[in-house]
Amino acid sequence: MKRMASLLFILISVYLFSCIALYFLQEKFIFFPPDPVNEVYQSVAKNEIEVTINNQQMHGWKIDVNSAKNKILFYFGGNAEDVVYLNFEAQKFSVKQCITFNYAGYGESEGKPSQQK
């Protein structure tokens, strides 16, 4: 009986420790921004724009698309996505212009990703 109580105590302790660790590390598991590739950023430097939001520089691009449509597409990437690559894909959209920004902590945008911002 004493052995079973010890085993139960160990299992409950491991479970509680795991729950606490997951709680405090959850943003590390949710957000994993890729490292920026300097060669890609340099190749599209002519389209770069920066905007300050909440005292943080947000890095993005204003991409002119040769389309007869009079629409503008605003795009913010998804998780683990660097939107710099939209510079190469924007021609596929039927829009006049594509404006895109990386979230805080993604690409060359300042800050760190968070659910709060």
Protein backbone atom coordinates (compact mmCIF):
# COMPACT_ATOMS: atom_id res chain seq x y z
CA MET A 1 0.00 0.00 0.00
CA LYS A 2 2.84 2.36 0.86
CA ARG A 3 4.45 1.63 -2.50
CA MET A 4 1.23 2.45 -4.35
CA ALA A 5 0.87 5.73 -2.45
CA SER A 6 4.45 6.67 -3.39
CA LEU A 7 3.79 5.85 -7.04
CA LEU A 8 0.58 7.87 -7.01
CA PHE A 9 2.41 10.81 -5.40
CA ILE A 10 5.11 10.68 -8.10
CA LEU A 11 2.55 10.52 -10.92
CA ILE A 12 0.56 13.44 -9.54
CA SER A 13 3.76 15.46 -9.01
CA VAL A 14 4.93 14.83 -12.59
CA TYR A 15 1.49 15.77 -13.92
CA LEU A 16 1.35 19.01 -11.89
CA PHE A 17 4.92 19.94 -12.86
CA SER A 18 4.05 19.34 -16.54
CA CYS A 19 0.94 21.52 -16.30
CA ILE A 20 2.85 24.35 -14.63
CA ALA A 21 5.70 24.12 -17.16
CA LEU A 22 3.26 24.16 -20.10
CA TYR A 23 1.48 27.19 -18.66
CA PHE A 24 4.65 29.25 -18.34
CA LEU A 25 6.16 28.06 -21.64
CA GLN A 26 2.99 28.15 -23.74
CA GLU A 27 4.05 31.12 -25.90
CA LYS A 28 7.25 29.26 -26.82
CA PHE A 29 5.10 26.39 -28.08
CA ILE A 30 2.57 28.63 -29.85
CA PHE A 31 4.85 31.16 -31.56
CA PHE A 32 7.98 30.09 -33.42
CA PRO A 33 9.05 32.81 -35.84
CA PRO A 34 11.52 31.77 -38.54
CA ASP A 35 14.91 33.47 -38.74
CA PRO A 36 15.03 36.13 -41.47
CA VAL A 37 17.08 35.24 -44.56
CA ASN A 38 19.22 38.30 -45.32
CA GLU A 39 19.61 37.54 -49.04
CA VAL A 40 15.83 37.49 -49.50
CA TYR A 41 15.39 40.74 -47.55
CA GLN A 42 18.09 42.45 -49.63
CA SER A 43 16.51 41.31 -52.90
CA VAL A 44 13.20 43.04 -52.07
CA ALA A 45 14.59 46.08 -50.22
CA LYS A 46 13.02 48.49 -52.73
CA ASN A 47 9.54 47.57 -51.46
CA GLU A 48 10.31 47.91 -47.73
CA ILE A 49 8.20 50.05 -45.41
CA GLU A 50 8.31 50.49 -41.65
CA VAL A 51 5.56 51.63 -39.31
CA THR A 52 5.78 52.32 -35.59
CA ILE A 53 3.01 50.70 -33.55
CA ASN A 54 3.11 50.78 -29.73
CA ASN A 55 6.71 52.08 -29.87
CA GLN A 56 7.83 49.08 -31.95
CA GLN A 57 9.04 49.14 -35.54
CA MET A 58 6.91 46.86 -37.70
CA HIS A 59 8.67 45.77 -40.87
CA GLY A 60 6.71 45.28 -44.05
CA TRP A 61 6.45 45.72 -47.80
CA LYS A 62 4.37 47.73 -50.23
CA ILE A 63 4.22 45.66 -53.39
CA ASP A 64 2.87 47.18 -56.60
CA VAL A 65 1.12 44.60 -58.76
CA ASN A 66 0.42 45.28 -62.43
CA SER A 67 -3.29 44.57 -62.35
CA ALA A 68 -6.24 46.46 -63.78
CA LYS A 69 -8.13 45.91 -60.53
CA ASN A 70 -8.39 48.85 -58.15
CA LYS A 71 -8.07 46.82 -54.95
CA ILE A 72 -5.49 46.81 -52.17
CA LEU A 73 -4.71 43.68 -50.19
CA PHE A 74 -3.52 44.02 -46.58
CA TYR A 75 -1.89 40.83 -45.37
CA PHE A 76 -0.47 39.75 -42.03
CA GLY A 77 1.14 36.33 -42.05
CA GLY A 78 0.14 33.34 -40.01
CA ASN A 79 2.10 31.56 -37.32
CA ALA A 80 5.69 30.68 -38.29
CA GLU A 81 5.35 32.70 -41.52
CA ASP A 82 7.68 35.42 -42.74
CA VAL A 83 5.64 37.53 -45.16
CA VAL A 84 8.74 38.66 -47.11
CA TYR A 85 8.02 35.81 -49.53
CA LEU A 86 4.75 37.46 -50.55
CA ASN A 87 6.94 39.77 -52.66
CA PHE A 88 7.38 36.83 -55.03
CA GLU A 89 3.77 35.62 -54.88
CA ALA A 90 1.86 38.93 -55.05
CA GLN A 91 1.54 38.83 -58.84
CA LYS A 92 -0.94 35.96 -58.44
CA PHE A 93 -3.49 38.20 -56.71
CA SER A 94 -5.93 40.34 -58.68
CA VAL A 95 -5.07 43.53 -56.81
CA LYS A 96 -3.35 46.80 -57.62
CA GLN A 97 -1.22 46.79 -54.49
CA CYS A 98 -0.33 44.43 -51.68
CA ILE A 99 0.70 45.80 -48.28
CA THR A 100 2.03 43.27 -45.84
CA PHE A 101 3.66 43.34 -42.41
CA ASN A 102 5.36 40.83 -40.16
CA TYR A 103 3.96 40.53 -36.66
CA ALA A 104 6.10 41.63 -33.71
CA GLY A 105 9.10 39.32 -33.42
CA TYR A 106 8.71 37.93 -36.92
CA GLY A 107 11.16 38.77 -39.69
CA GLU A 108 12.80 42.10 -38.92
CA SER A 109 9.90 43.49 -36.87
CA GLU A 110 10.81 44.46 -33.33
CA GLY A 111 9.34 42.93 -30.20
CA LYS A 112 8.32 39.42 -29.36
CA PRO A 113 5.18 37.54 -30.36
CA SER A 114 2.44 37.46 -27.76
CA GLN A 115 -1.26 36.75 -27.45
CA GLN A 116 -1.65 40.09 -25.66
CA LYS A 117 -0.72 42.32 -28.63
